[in-house]
Amino acid sequence: MPIASPRHANDPALVALGVAIRAARKERGISQEELAHMAAIDRSYLSSIERGAQNPGIVSILRMTNAMEMTATELFAEARL
């Protein structure tokens, strides 16, 4: 299991981003495992991102948004950052 980003874990911005990723994924009927596979990231890492425990890099965010056929702008708008 990935180690949480100790400096930023549970920061309100990361929690909001995680909630937005989870909502977008569920809206599209995609499981965590499917999204992780499509985005070429580890499922446990995705789980940590959705919980706000990880501070994902831009490449990971773009891989997830591309896999969900949305833009990063749309995701961040949903996150209310």
C-alpha atoms as a PDB file:
ATOM      1  CA  MET A   1       0.000   0.000   0.000  1.00  0.00           C
ATOM      2  CA  PRO A   2       1.344   3.463  -0.821  1.00  0.00           C
ATOM      3  CA  ILE A   3       2.577   5.659   1.966  1.00  0.00           C
ATOM      4  CA  ALA A   4       0.444   8.749   2.502  1.00  0.00           C
ATOM      5  CA  SER A   5       1.896  12.115   1.576  1.00  0.00           C
ATOM      6  CA  PRO A   6       2.754  13.091   5.155  1.00  0.00           C
ATOM      7  CA  ARG A   7       3.036  16.796   4.512  1.00  0.00           C
ATOM      8  CA  HIS A   8      -0.273  17.133   2.677  1.00  0.00           C
ATOM      9  CA  ALA A   9      -2.357  14.096   3.662  1.00  0.00           C
ATOM     10  CA  ASN A  10      -5.967  15.043   4.331  1.00  0.00           C
ATOM     11  CA  ASP A  11      -5.461  18.632   3.197  1.00  0.00           C
ATOM     12  CA  PRO A  12      -8.931  19.970   2.297  1.00  0.00           C
ATOM     13  CA  ALA A  13      -7.845  20.531  -1.323  1.00  0.00           C
ATOM     14  CA  LEU A  14      -6.697  16.906  -1.678  1.00  0.00           C
ATOM     15  CA  VAL A  15      -9.857  15.623  -0.037  1.00  0.00           C
ATOM     16  CA  ALA A  16     -11.955  17.721  -2.451  1.00  0.00           C
ATOM     17  CA  LEU A  17      -9.936  16.433  -5.402  1.00  0.00           C
ATOM     18  CA  GLY A  18     -10.380  12.856  -4.229  1.00  0.00           C
ATOM     19  CA  VAL A  19     -14.123  13.305  -3.827  1.00  0.00           C
ATOM     20  CA  ALA A  20     -14.316  14.730  -7.356  1.00  0.00           C
ATOM     21  CA  ILE A  21     -12.319  11.838  -8.814  1.00  0.00           C
ATOM     22  CA  ARG A  22     -14.495   9.278  -7.029  1.00  0.00           C
ATOM     23  CA  ALA A  23     -17.701  11.027  -8.155  1.00  0.00           C
ATOM     24  CA  ALA A  24     -16.526  11.236 -11.787  1.00  0.00           C
ATOM     25  CA  ARG A  25     -15.471   7.588 -11.732  1.00  0.00           C
ATOM     26  CA  LYS A  26     -18.758   6.381 -10.241  1.00  0.00           C
ATOM     27  CA  GLU A  27     -20.791   8.604 -12.589  1.00  0.00           C
ATOM     28  CA  ARG A  28     -19.160   6.742 -15.448  1.00  0.00           C
ATOM     29  CA  GLY A  29     -19.724   3.326 -13.881  1.00  0.00           C
ATOM     30  CA  ILE A  30     -15.996   2.607 -13.612  1.00  0.00           C
ATOM     31  CA  SER A  31     -14.527   0.635 -10.714  1.00  0.00           C
ATOM     32  CA  GLN A  32     -11.322   1.709  -8.980  1.00  0.00           C
ATOM     33  CA  GLU A  33      -9.577  -1.286 -10.463  1.00  0.00           C
ATOM     34  CA  GLU A  34     -10.726  -0.397 -13.990  1.00  0.00           C
ATOM     35  CA  LEU A  35      -9.707   3.242 -13.691  1.00  0.00           C
ATOM     36  CA  ALA A  36      -6.343   2.316 -12.212  1.00  0.00           C
ATOM     37  CA  HIS A  37      -5.730  -0.054 -15.105  1.00  0.00           C
ATOM     38  CA  MET A  38      -6.832   2.486 -17.742  1.00  0.00           C
ATOM     39  CA  ALA A  39      -4.691   5.209 -16.148  1.00  0.00           C
ATOM     40  CA  ALA A  40      -1.687   2.907 -15.621  1.00  0.00           C
ATOM     41  CA  ILE A  41      -1.536   3.582 -11.881  1.00  0.00           C
ATOM     42  CA  ASP A  42      -1.730   1.233  -8.920  1.00  0.00           C
ATOM     43  CA  ARG A  43      -5.233   0.621  -7.541  1.00  0.00           C
ATOM     44  CA  SER A  44      -4.115   1.235  -3.958  1.00  0.00           C
ATOM     45  CA  TYR A  45      -2.563   4.539  -5.061  1.00  0.00           C
ATOM     46  CA  LEU A  46      -5.881   5.517  -6.655  1.00  0.00           C
ATOM     47  CA  SER A  47      -7.679   4.588  -3.446  1.00  0.00           C
ATOM     48  CA  SER A  48      -5.307   6.817  -1.465  1.00  0.00           C
ATOM     49  CA  ILE A  49      -5.885   9.678  -3.897  1.00  0.00           C
ATOM     50  CA  GLU A  50      -9.648   9.321  -3.552  1.00  0.00           C
ATOM     51  CA  ARG A  51      -9.304   9.461   0.247  1.00  0.00           C
ATOM     52  CA  GLY A  52      -7.165  12.611   0.103  1.00  0.00           C
ATOM     53  CA  ALA A  53      -4.126  10.829   1.529  1.00  0.00           C
ATOM     54  CA  GLN A  54      -1.976  11.317  -1.597  1.00  0.00           C
ATOM     55  CA  ASN A  55      -0.882  14.424  -3.437  1.00  0.00           C
ATOM     56  CA  PRO A  56      -1.025  13.120  -7.037  1.00  0.00           C
ATOM     57  CA  GLY A  57       1.248  14.514  -9.698  1.00  0.00           C
ATOM     58  CA  ILE A  58      -0.071  16.150 -12.835  1.00  0.00           C
ATOM     59  CA  VAL A  59       0.772  13.096 -14.941  1.00  0.00           C
ATOM     60  CA  SER A  60      -1.389  10.879 -12.719  1.00  0.00           C
ATOM     61  CA  ILE A  61      -4.223  13.399 -12.804  1.00  0.00           C
ATOM     62  CA  LEU A  62      -4.041  13.651 -16.595  1.00  0.00           C
ATOM     63  CA  ARG A  63      -3.968   9.874 -16.973  1.00  0.00           C
ATOM     64  CA  MET A  64      -7.099   9.571 -14.820  1.00  0.00           C
ATOM     65  CA  THR A  65      -8.969  12.371 -16.591  1.00  0.00           C
ATOM     66  CA  ASN A  66      -8.024  11.019 -20.017  1.00  0.00           C
ATOM     67  CA  ALA A  67      -9.213   7.556 -18.981  1.00  0.00           C
ATOM     68  CA  MET A  68     -12.530   9.058 -17.852  1.00  0.00           C
ATOM     69  CA  GLU A  69     -12.777  11.103 -21.062  1.00  0.00           C
ATOM     70  CA  MET A  70     -12.818  14.431 -19.281  1.00  0.00           C
ATOM     71  CA  THR A  71     -10.420  17.335 -18.979  1.00  0.00           C
ATOM     72  CA  ALA A  72      -8.399  18.248 -15.931  1.00  0.00           C
ATOM     73  CA  THR A  73     -10.252  21.575 -15.988  1.00  0.00           C
ATOM     74  CA  GLU A  74     -13.572  19.748 -15.647  1.00  0.00           C
ATOM     75  CA  LEU A  75     -12.210  17.663 -12.782  1.00  0.00           C
ATOM     76  CA  PHE A  76     -10.840  20.663 -10.906  1.00  0.00           C
ATOM     77  CA  ALA A  77     -14.117  22.536 -11.419  1.00  0.00           C
ATOM     78  CA  GLU A  78     -15.925  19.609  -9.805  1.00  0.00           C
ATOM     79  CA  ALA A  79     -13.432  19.607  -6.931  1.00  0.00           C
ATOM     80  CA  ARG A  80     -14.382  23.186  -6.074  1.00  0.00           C
ATOM     81  CA  LEU A  81     -10.753  24.051  -5.404  1.00  0.00           C
END
